Amino acid sequence: MYTGLPRKVFECLLAWIIPAVRKRGARDELDPSQKLLLVMMRVRYNFPQSDLAFRFNIDQSTVSRILNQWIPMLKVQLKQLIRWPQTTIGPIDPPYNLLPNAVAIIDGTEIFIERPSNLATQKSSYSDYKSHTTVKYLVAIDTFTGVFVYVSPGFSGNSSDRFTIEHSGILDQLKPGQRILADKGYNARDLFAQKRCFLTIPSFLSEGRLTAQEGLNSQTIASARIRVENAIKRLKEYKALSETLSNRVNKKIVDDMVLVAGALCNLKQKLIK
């Protein structure tokens, strides 16, 4: 209930990260399994630190210290679960067989943040799409399984989709010949072409109508978008990413939480069967 993972998966996860955990000191109030539970409760339900302090019978300063130590550590350990496809072979089932080598689907997701007091920061973080100040992330899922294969660092809410592609590092992950599916906003075919890859987005209307092939491609991408939207919906089940964040939260910690949440999603049952 508190982690979103079966107990056996939680225990395997704990055993995996134990080597990276420093030995328990004499003054440590909690053992590693309790610390992992505390961190996952924070990410999944966004419990206030005062609430977690009460539940675990520790000081709030101890909760803060555990979160600041464990979230970056989990990010380092769990990023191994988010891997870009090494193959150029995409799904062979219809309709993806019409778009050869479609190995990933990309989309953006945004996290609401409190309005900054600085006017320049307000302007840069304001998302016209969400009508709110946000942090924007670029994510990619595998077209075979629906698992996350890429999670970007955060960008200011007014960053364009092209800007996030160009500066997120996703282009460095590409393998020659791979095809990526995306929405119309990601009009950056030239950036992918430089990597000898293909970016396929829905066709824009030409003379008032689409050709048969353009319409078919657009339908395929629309079905793919449902899959990536479901993956993002699963990501947002972690309330630390779906509720409005305080301006006092360190941005790096937020970036780490997003990646950790994506990795935890990959430990769940496959989204695409």
C-alpha atoms as a PDB file:
ATOM      1  CA  MET A   1       0.000   0.000   0.000  1.00  0.00           C
ATOM      2  CA  TYR A   2       2.751   2.452   0.875  1.00  0.00           C
ATOM      3  CA  THR A   3       5.206   1.611  -1.909  1.00  0.00           C
ATOM      4  CA  GLY A   4       3.071   0.430  -4.828  1.00  0.00           C
ATOM      5  CA  LEU A   5       5.311  -2.633  -5.111  1.00  0.00           C
ATOM      6  CA  PRO A   6       4.793  -6.249  -4.028  1.00  0.00           C
ATOM      7  CA  ARG A   7       6.697  -7.123  -0.875  1.00  0.00           C
ATOM      8  CA  LYS A   8       9.043  -9.489  -2.755  1.00  0.00           C
ATOM      9  CA  VAL A   9       9.960  -6.734  -5.206  1.00  0.00           C
ATOM     10  CA  PHE A  10      10.587  -4.352  -2.307  1.00  0.00           C
ATOM     11  CA  GLU A  11      12.869  -6.921  -0.677  1.00  0.00           C
ATOM     12  CA  CYS A  12      14.767  -7.498  -3.955  1.00  0.00           C
ATOM     13  CA  LEU A  13      15.156  -3.755  -4.371  1.00  0.00           C
ATOM     14  CA  LEU A  14      16.502  -3.452  -0.836  1.00  0.00           C
ATOM     15  CA  ALA A  15      18.983  -6.290  -1.395  1.00  0.00           C
ATOM     16  CA  TRP A  16      20.140  -4.624  -4.606  1.00  0.00           C
ATOM     17  CA  ILE A  17      20.887  -1.242  -3.049  1.00  0.00           C
ATOM     18  CA  ILE A  18      22.305  -2.488   0.276  1.00  0.00           C
ATOM     19  CA  PRO A  19      25.907  -2.525  -1.062  1.00  0.00           C
ATOM     20  CA  ALA A  20      25.597   1.201  -1.751  1.00  0.00           C
ATOM     21  CA  VAL A  21      24.277   1.961   1.727  1.00  0.00           C
ATOM     22  CA  ARG A  22      26.768   2.958   4.355  1.00  0.00           C
ATOM     23  CA  LYS A  23      26.809   0.744   7.410  1.00  0.00           C
ATOM     24  CA  ARG A  24      24.408   1.763  10.093  1.00  0.00           C
ATOM     25  CA  GLY A  25      26.000   4.050  12.624  1.00  0.00           C
ATOM     26  CA  ALA A  26      25.516   3.894  16.346  1.00  0.00           C
ATOM     27  CA  ARG A  27      23.272   6.988  16.260  1.00  0.00           C
ATOM     28  CA  ASP A  28      21.072   5.848  13.367  1.00  0.00           C
ATOM     29  CA  GLU A  29      17.468   5.465  14.484  1.00  0.00           C
ATOM     30  CA  LEU A  30      16.332   3.432  11.454  1.00  0.00           C
ATOM     31  CA  ASP A  31      17.719   0.428   9.593  1.00  0.00           C
ATOM     32  CA  PRO A  32      18.050   0.468   5.779  1.00  0.00           C
ATOM     33  CA  SER A  33      14.681  -1.212   5.155  1.00  0.00           C
ATOM     34  CA  GLN A  34      12.929   1.454   7.238  1.00  0.00           C
ATOM     35  CA  LYS A  35      14.792   4.235   5.456  1.00  0.00           C
ATOM     36  CA  LEU A  36      13.845   2.832   2.054  1.00  0.00           C
ATOM     37  CA  LEU A  37      10.213   2.579   3.162  1.00  0.00           C
ATOM     38  CA  LEU A  38      10.293   6.172   4.422  1.00  0.00           C
ATOM     39  CA  VAL A  39      11.686   7.472   1.131  1.00  0.00           C
ATOM     40  CA  MET A  40       9.180   5.532  -0.970  1.00  0.00           C
ATOM     41  CA  MET A  41       6.307   6.773   1.200  1.00  0.00           C
ATOM     42  CA  ARG A  42       7.525  10.313   0.589  1.00  0.00           C
ATOM     43  CA  VAL A  43       7.717   9.832  -3.187  1.00  0.00           C
ATOM     44  CA  ARG A  44       4.478   7.857  -3.533  1.00  0.00           C
ATOM     45  CA  TYR A  45       2.231   9.837  -1.163  1.00  0.00           C
ATOM     46  CA  ASN A  46       4.171  13.075  -0.628  1.00  0.00           C
ATOM     47  CA  PHE A  47       3.675  12.838   3.128  1.00  0.00           C
ATOM     48  CA  PRO A  48       4.973  15.969   4.903  1.00  0.00           C
ATOM     49  CA  GLN A  49       8.244  15.497   6.723  1.00  0.00           C
ATOM     50  CA  SER A  50       6.486  16.174  10.038  1.00  0.00           C
ATOM     51  CA  ASP A  51       4.062  13.322   9.282  1.00  0.00           C
ATOM     52  CA  LEU A  52       6.897  10.911   8.465  1.00  0.00           C
ATOM     53  CA  ALA A  53       8.731  11.957  11.620  1.00  0.00           C
ATOM     54  CA  PHE A  54       5.648  11.032  13.664  1.00  0.00           C
ATOM     55  CA  ARG A  55       5.103   7.717  11.874  1.00  0.00           C
ATOM     56  CA  PHE A  56       8.712   6.592  12.304  1.00  0.00           C
ATOM     57  CA  ASN A  57       9.144   8.176  15.750  1.00  0.00           C
ATOM     58  CA  ILE A  58      12.170  10.255  14.734  1.00  0.00           C
ATOM     59  CA  ASP A  59      13.016  13.949  14.543  1.00  0.00           C
ATOM     60  CA  GLN A  60      11.955  15.896  11.471  1.00  0.00           C
ATOM     61  CA  SER A  61      15.592  16.880  10.923  1.00  0.00           C
ATOM     62  CA  THR A  62      16.403  13.160  10.676  1.00  0.00           C
ATOM     63  CA  VAL A  63      13.693  12.701   8.042  1.00  0.00           C
ATOM     64  CA  SER A  64      15.161  15.572   6.024  1.00  0.00           C
ATOM     65  CA  ARG A  65      18.661  14.107   6.295  1.00  0.00           C
ATOM     66  CA  ILE A  66      17.486  10.651   5.172  1.00  0.00           C
ATOM     67  CA  LEU A  67      15.624  12.083   2.159  1.00  0.00           C
ATOM     68  CA  ASN A  68      18.574  14.244   1.105  1.00  0.00           C
ATOM     69  CA  GLN A  69      20.936  11.254   1.338  1.00  0.00           C
ATOM     70  CA  TRP A  70      18.768   8.465  -0.012  1.00  0.00           C
ATOM     71  CA  ILE A  71      16.979  10.062  -2.969  1.00  0.00           C
ATOM     72  CA  PRO A  72      20.263  10.905  -4.805  1.00  0.00           C
ATOM     73  CA  MET A  73      21.638   7.470  -3.875  1.00  0.00           C
ATOM     74  CA  LEU A  74      18.534   5.735  -5.230  1.00  0.00           C
ATOM     75  CA  LYS A  75      18.794   7.776  -8.404  1.00  0.00           C
ATOM     76  CA  VAL A  76      22.334   6.522  -8.986  1.00  0.00           C
ATOM     77  CA  GLN A  77      21.344   2.912  -8.327  1.00  0.00           C
ATOM     78  CA  LEU A  78      18.001   2.838 -10.111  1.00  0.00           C
ATOM     79  CA  LYS A  79      18.987   4.703 -13.268  1.00  0.00           C
ATOM     80  CA  GLN A  80      20.298   1.309 -14.425  1.00  0.00           C
ATOM     81  CA  LEU A  81      16.628   0.307 -14.831  1.00  0.00           C
ATOM     82  CA  ILE A  82      16.070   3.053 -17.411  1.00  0.00           C
ATOM     83  CA  ARG A  83      18.014   2.060 -20.518  1.00  0.00           C
ATOM     84  CA  TRP A  84      17.726   3.247 -24.078  1.00  0.00           C
ATOM     85  CA  PRO A  85      16.977   0.458 -26.631  1.00  0.00           C
ATOM     86  CA  GLN A  86      20.155  -0.778 -28.290  1.00  0.00           C
ATOM     87  CA  THR A  87      18.322  -2.362 -31.213  1.00  0.00           C
ATOM     88  CA  THR A  88      16.893  -0.774 -34.344  1.00  0.00           C
ATOM     89  CA  ILE A  89      14.088  -3.332 -34.470  1.00  0.00           C
ATOM     90  CA  GLY A  90      10.687  -2.040 -33.433  1.00  0.00           C
ATOM     91  CA  PRO A  91       7.387  -3.898 -32.989  1.00  0.00           C
ATOM     92  CA  ILE A  92       6.324  -6.033 -35.953  1.00  0.00           C
ATOM     93  CA  ASP A  93       2.630  -6.086 -35.064  1.00  0.00           C
ATOM     94  CA  PRO A  94       0.205  -3.723 -36.838  1.00  0.00           C
ATOM     95  CA  PRO A  95       0.151  -0.771 -37.074  1.00  0.00           C
ATOM     96  CA  TYR A  96       3.787  -0.295 -36.023  1.00  0.00           C
ATOM     97  CA  ASN A  97       5.050  -2.477 -38.866  1.00  0.00           C
ATOM     98  CA  LEU A  98       4.161   0.469 -41.107  1.00  0.00           C
ATOM     99  CA  LEU A  99       6.787   2.570 -39.316  1.00  0.00           C
ATOM    100  CA  PRO A 100       9.998   0.482 -39.385  1.00  0.00           C
ATOM    101  CA  ASN A 101      12.396   0.540 -36.435  1.00  0.00           C
ATOM    102  CA  ALA A 102      10.048   2.540 -34.165  1.00  0.00           C
ATOM    103  CA  VAL A 103      11.819   1.751 -30.909  1.00  0.00           C
ATOM    104  CA  ALA A 104      10.566   4.547 -28.638  1.00  0.00           C
ATOM    105  CA  ILE A 105       7.766   7.047 -28.079  1.00  0.00           C
ATOM    106  CA  ILE A 106       8.555  10.436 -26.541  1.00  0.00           C
ATOM    107  CA  ASP A 107       6.340  12.945 -24.763  1.00  0.00           C
ATOM    108  CA  GLY A 108       6.533  15.649 -22.126  1.00  0.00           C
ATOM    109  CA  THR A 109       5.148  15.876 -18.625  1.00  0.00           C
ATOM    110  CA  GLU A 110       5.033  18.818 -16.266  1.00  0.00           C
ATOM    111  CA  ILE A 111       5.109  19.185 -12.486  1.00  0.00           C
ATOM    112  CA  PHE A 112       3.370  22.164 -10.908  1.00  0.00           C
ATOM    113  CA  ILE A 113       5.487  24.396  -8.685  1.00  0.00           C
ATOM    114  CA  GLU A 114       4.520  27.320  -6.479  1.00  0.00           C
ATOM    115  CA  ARG A 115       4.794  30.675  -8.215  1.00  0.00           C
ATOM    116  CA  PRO A 116       8.292  32.072  -7.647  1.00  0.00           C
ATOM    117  CA  SER A 117       8.584  35.535  -6.097  1.00  0.00           C
ATOM    118  CA  ASN A 118      11.187  36.592  -8.675  1.00  0.00           C
ATOM    119  CA  LEU A 119       9.424  38.006 -11.745  1.00  0.00           C
ATOM    120  CA  ALA A 120      12.026  36.724 -14.220  1.00  0.00           C
ATOM    121  CA  THR A 121      11.758  33.224 -12.756  1.00  0.00           C
ATOM    122  CA  GLN A 122       7.977  33.441 -12.885  1.00  0.00           C
ATOM    123  CA  LYS A 123       8.113  34.238 -16.587  1.00  0.00           C
ATOM    124  CA  SER A 124      10.580  31.474 -17.441  1.00  0.00           C
ATOM    125  CA  SER A 125       8.701  28.836 -15.473  1.00  0.00           C
ATOM    126  CA  TYR A 126       5.189  29.731 -16.655  1.00  0.00           C
ATOM    127  CA  SER A 127       3.688  27.101 -18.939  1.00  0.00           C
ATOM    128  CA  ASP A 128       1.120  28.422 -21.414  1.00  0.00           C
ATOM    129  CA  TYR A 129      -0.102  24.852 -21.920  1.00  0.00           C
ATOM    130  CA  LYS A 130      -0.779  24.302 -18.213  1.00  0.00           C
ATOM    131  CA  SER A 131      -1.489  27.960 -17.311  1.00  0.00           C
ATOM    132  CA  HIS A 132       0.729  27.471 -14.277  1.00  0.00           C
ATOM    133  CA  THR A 133       4.355  27.635 -13.244  1.00  0.00           C
ATOM    134  CA  THR A 134       5.901  24.232 -13.880  1.00  0.00           C
ATOM    135  CA  VAL A 135       9.002  22.147 -14.369  1.00  0.00           C
ATOM    136  CA  LYS A 136       8.936  20.237 -17.669  1.00  0.00           C
ATOM    137  CA  TYR A 137      10.376  16.762 -18.318  1.00  0.00           C
ATOM    138  CA  LEU A 138      10.926  14.797 -21.509  1.00  0.00           C
ATOM    139  CA  VAL A 139      10.302  11.054 -21.197  1.00  0.00           C
ATOM    140  CA  ALA A 140      10.471   8.115 -23.590  1.00  0.00           C
ATOM    141  CA  ILE A 141       8.949   4.649 -23.398  1.00  0.00           C
ATOM    142  CA  ASP A 142       9.793   1.443 -25.233  1.00  0.00           C
ATOM    143  CA  THR A 143       7.243   0.653 -27.959  1.00  0.00           C
ATOM    144  CA  PHE A 144       7.442  -3.078 -27.153  1.00  0.00           C
ATOM    145  CA  THR A 145       6.867  -2.968 -23.405  1.00  0.00           C
ATOM    146  CA  GLY A 146       5.917   0.561 -22.311  1.00  0.00           C
ATOM    147  CA  VAL A 147       8.774   0.782 -19.800  1.00  0.00           C
ATOM    148  CA  PHE A 148      10.582   4.088 -19.419  1.00  0.00           C
ATOM    149  CA  VAL A 149      13.793   4.172 -21.443  1.00  0.00           C
ATOM    150  CA  TYR A 150      14.633   7.817 -20.898  1.00  0.00           C
ATOM    151  CA  VAL A 151      13.858  10.528 -18.317  1.00  0.00           C
ATOM    152  CA  SER A 152      15.341  13.971 -18.839  1.00  0.00           C
ATOM    153  CA  PRO A 153      16.431  16.582 -16.307  1.00  0.00           C
ATOM    154  CA  GLY A 154      13.847  19.272 -15.600  1.00  0.00           C
ATOM    155  CA  PHE A 155      13.381  22.393 -17.747  1.00  0.00           C
ATOM    156  CA  SER A 156      11.586  25.667 -17.106  1.00  0.00           C
ATOM    157  CA  GLY A 157       7.886  25.491 -17.899  1.00  0.00           C
ATOM    158  CA  ASN A 158       8.082  27.797 -20.924  1.00  0.00           C
ATOM    159  CA  SER A 159      10.753  25.683 -22.659  1.00  0.00           C
ATOM    160  CA  SER A 160       9.681  24.543 -26.108  1.00  0.00           C
ATOM    161  CA  ASP A 161       9.497  20.872 -27.043  1.00  0.00           C
ATOM    162  CA  ARG A 162      12.321  21.375 -29.530  1.00  0.00           C
ATOM    163  CA  PHE A 163      14.460  22.994 -26.837  1.00  0.00           C
ATOM    164  CA  THR A 164      13.971  20.037 -24.473  1.00  0.00           C
ATOM    165  CA  ILE A 165      15.022  17.618 -27.211  1.00  0.00           C
ATOM    166  CA  GLU A 166      18.076  19.664 -28.113  1.00  0.00           C
ATOM    167  CA  HIS A 167      19.317  20.152 -24.543  1.00  0.00           C
ATOM    168  CA  SER A 168      18.086  17.110 -22.604  1.00  0.00           C
ATOM    169  CA  GLY A 169      20.744  14.667 -23.809  1.00  0.00           C
ATOM    170  CA  ILE A 170      18.282  12.309 -25.489  1.00  0.00           C
ATOM    171  CA  LEU A 171      19.992  12.814 -28.853  1.00  0.00           C
ATOM    172  CA  ASP A 172      23.146  11.275 -27.398  1.00  0.00           C
ATOM    173  CA  GLN A 173      21.195   8.081 -26.647  1.00  0.00           C
ATOM    174  CA  LEU A 174      20.141   7.452 -30.240  1.00  0.00           C
ATOM    175  CA  LYS A 175      21.459   4.595 -32.353  1.00  0.00           C
ATOM    176  CA  PRO A 176      21.653   5.010 -36.166  1.00  0.00           C
ATOM    177  CA  GLY A 177      18.514   3.831 -37.925  1.00  0.00           C
ATOM    178  CA  GLN A 178      16.188   4.136 -34.934  1.00  0.00           C
ATOM    179  CA  ARG A 179      12.762   5.719 -35.374  1.00  0.00           C
ATOM    180  CA  ILE A 180      11.137   7.784 -32.625  1.00  0.00           C
ATOM    181  CA  LEU A 181       7.401   8.593 -32.500  1.00  0.00           C
ATOM    182  CA  ALA A 182       6.172  11.904 -31.102  1.00  0.00           C
ATOM    183  CA  ASP A 183       3.387  14.485 -31.155  1.00  0.00           C
ATOM    184  CA  LYS A 184       3.274  17.467 -33.527  1.00  0.00           C
ATOM    185  CA  GLY A 185       4.958  19.758 -31.009  1.00  0.00           C
ATOM    186  CA  TYR A 186       8.233  17.879 -31.408  1.00  0.00           C
ATOM    187  CA  ASN A 187       8.983  19.276 -34.846  1.00  0.00           C
ATOM    188  CA  ALA A 188      12.719  18.535 -34.771  1.00  0.00           C
ATOM    189  CA  ARG A 189      13.319  16.043 -37.574  1.00  0.00           C
ATOM    190  CA  ASP A 190      16.570  17.786 -38.498  1.00  0.00           C
ATOM    191  CA  LEU A 191      18.057  17.124 -35.050  1.00  0.00           C
ATOM    192  CA  PHE A 192      17.322  13.409 -35.355  1.00  0.00           C
ATOM    193  CA  ALA A 193      18.531  13.301 -38.939  1.00  0.00           C
ATOM    194  CA  GLN A 194      21.936  14.515 -37.747  1.00  0.00           C
ATOM    195  CA  LYS A 195      22.103  11.286 -35.727  1.00  0.00           C
ATOM    196  CA  ARG A 196      20.976   9.258 -38.772  1.00  0.00           C
ATOM    197  CA  CYS A 197      17.650   8.583 -37.050  1.00  0.00           C
ATOM    198  CA  PHE A 198      14.017   9.291 -37.843  1.00  0.00           C
ATOM    199  CA  LEU A 199      11.487  11.371 -35.922  1.00  0.00           C
ATOM    200  CA  THR A 200       7.928  10.595 -37.016  1.00  0.00           C
ATOM    201  CA  ILE A 201       5.204  13.046 -36.003  1.00  0.00           C
ATOM    202  CA  PRO A 202       1.598  13.406 -37.242  1.00  0.00           C
ATOM    203  CA  SER A 203       1.415  15.053 -40.637  1.00  0.00           C
ATOM    204  CA  PHE A 204       0.236  18.632 -40.927  1.00  0.00           C
ATOM    205  CA  LEU A 205      -2.703  19.309 -43.210  1.00  0.00           C
ATOM    206  CA  SER A 206      -1.658  19.862 -46.807  1.00  0.00           C
ATOM    207  CA  GLU A 207      -4.185  21.628 -48.989  1.00  0.00           C
ATOM    208  CA  GLY A 208      -6.943  20.871 -46.516  1.00  0.00           C
ATOM    209  CA  ARG A 209      -6.540  17.099 -46.321  1.00  0.00           C
ATOM    210  CA  LEU A 210      -4.041  14.315 -45.638  1.00  0.00           C
ATOM    211  CA  THR A 211      -2.923  11.674 -48.082  1.00  0.00           C
ATOM    212  CA  ALA A 212      -3.863   8.058 -47.304  1.00  0.00           C
ATOM    213  CA  GLN A 213      -0.333   7.314 -46.076  1.00  0.00           C
ATOM    214  CA  GLU A 214      -0.202  10.478 -43.943  1.00  0.00           C
ATOM    215  CA  GLY A 215      -3.545   9.607 -42.390  1.00  0.00           C
ATOM    216  CA  LEU A 216      -2.387   6.072 -41.611  1.00  0.00           C
ATOM    217  CA  ASN A 217       0.824   7.349 -40.030  1.00  0.00           C
ATOM    218  CA  SER A 218      -1.120   9.840 -37.934  1.00  0.00           C
ATOM    219  CA  GLN A 219      -3.441   7.078 -36.692  1.00  0.00           C
ATOM    220  CA  THR A 220      -0.444   4.949 -35.733  1.00  0.00           C
ATOM    221  CA  ILE A 221       1.140   7.795 -33.785  1.00  0.00           C
ATOM    222  CA  ALA A 222      -2.188   8.519 -32.082  1.00  0.00           C
ATOM    223  CA  SER A 223      -2.360   4.920 -30.838  1.00  0.00           C
ATOM    224  CA  ALA A 224       1.243   5.199 -29.672  1.00  0.00           C
ATOM    225  CA  ARG A 225       0.458   8.392 -27.777  1.00  0.00           C
ATOM    226  CA  ILE A 226      -2.179   6.545 -25.760  1.00  0.00           C
ATOM    227  CA  ARG A 227       0.579   4.229 -24.567  1.00  0.00           C
ATOM    228  CA  VAL A 228       2.955   6.994 -23.528  1.00  0.00           C
ATOM    229  CA  GLU A 229       0.114   8.904 -21.861  1.00  0.00           C
ATOM    230  CA  ASN A 230      -0.732   5.785 -19.830  1.00  0.00           C
ATOM    231  CA  ALA A 231       2.928   5.489 -18.829  1.00  0.00           C
ATOM    232  CA  ILE A 232       2.952   9.112 -17.666  1.00  0.00           C
ATOM    233  CA  LYS A 233      -0.307   8.506 -15.799  1.00  0.00           C
ATOM    234  CA  ARG A 234       1.417   5.656 -13.968  1.00  0.00           C
ATOM    235  CA  LEU A 235       4.347   7.980 -13.208  1.00  0.00           C
ATOM    236  CA  LYS A 236       1.980  10.583 -11.775  1.00  0.00           C
ATOM    237  CA  GLU A 237       0.579   8.023  -9.342  1.00  0.00           C
ATOM    238  CA  TYR A 238       3.574   9.137  -7.306  1.00  0.00           C
ATOM    239  CA  LYS A 239       2.002  12.143  -5.631  1.00  0.00           C
ATOM    240  CA  ALA A 240       5.325  13.886  -5.116  1.00  0.00           C
ATOM    241  CA  LEU A 241       5.163  14.418  -8.895  1.00  0.00           C
ATOM    242  CA  SER A 242       1.451  15.211  -9.217  1.00  0.00           C
ATOM    243  CA  GLU A 243       0.989  17.738  -6.414  1.00  0.00           C
ATOM    244  CA  THR A 244       2.226  21.336  -6.457  1.00  0.00           C
ATOM    245  CA  LEU A 245       5.784  21.448  -5.151  1.00  0.00           C
ATOM    246  CA  SER A 246       7.142  24.069  -2.811  1.00  0.00           C
ATOM    247  CA  ASN A 247       9.734  26.504  -4.147  1.00  0.00           C
ATOM    248  CA  ARG A 248      11.952  25.457  -1.271  1.00  0.00           C
ATOM    249  CA  VAL A 249      12.447  21.965  -2.701  1.00  0.00           C
ATOM    250  CA  ASN A 250      15.877  21.530  -4.287  1.00  0.00           C
ATOM    251  CA  LYS A 251      15.512  21.149  -8.071  1.00  0.00           C
ATOM    252  CA  LYS A 252      18.136  18.402  -8.204  1.00  0.00           C
ATOM    253  CA  ILE A 253      16.163  16.402  -5.630  1.00  0.00           C
ATOM    254  CA  VAL A 254      13.035  16.820  -7.786  1.00  0.00           C
ATOM    255  CA  ASP A 255      14.931  15.613 -10.877  1.00  0.00           C
ATOM    256  CA  ASP A 256      16.174  12.627  -8.888  1.00  0.00           C
ATOM    257  CA  MET A 257      12.653  11.836  -7.657  1.00  0.00           C
ATOM    258  CA  VAL A 258      11.299  11.832 -11.207  1.00  0.00           C
ATOM    259  CA  LEU A 259      13.963   9.375 -12.338  1.00  0.00           C
ATOM    260  CA  VAL A 260      13.451   7.195  -9.250  1.00  0.00           C
ATOM    261  CA  ALA A 261       9.690   7.139  -9.859  1.00  0.00           C
ATOM    262  CA  GLY A 262      10.268   6.160 -13.498  1.00  0.00           C
ATOM    263  CA  ALA A 263      12.554   3.316 -12.438  1.00  0.00           C
ATOM    264  CA  LEU A 264      10.011   2.114  -9.864  1.00  0.00           C
ATOM    265  CA  CYS A 265       7.344   2.115 -12.590  1.00  0.00           C
ATOM    266  CA  ASN A 266       9.613  -0.211 -14.580  1.00  0.00           C
ATOM    267  CA  LEU A 267       9.524  -2.680 -11.676  1.00  0.00           C
ATOM    268  CA  LYS A 268       5.769  -3.013 -12.007  1.00  0.00           C
ATOM    269  CA  GLN A 269       3.798  -5.210 -14.358  1.00  0.00           C
ATOM    270  CA  LYS A 270       4.449  -4.385 -18.019  1.00  0.00           C
ATOM    271  CA  LEU A 271       2.215  -1.655 -19.363  1.00  0.00           C
ATOM    272  CA  ILE A 272       2.083  -3.232 -22.830  1.00  0.00           C
ATOM    273  CA  LYS A 273       1.449  -6.977 -23.007  1.00  0.00           C
END
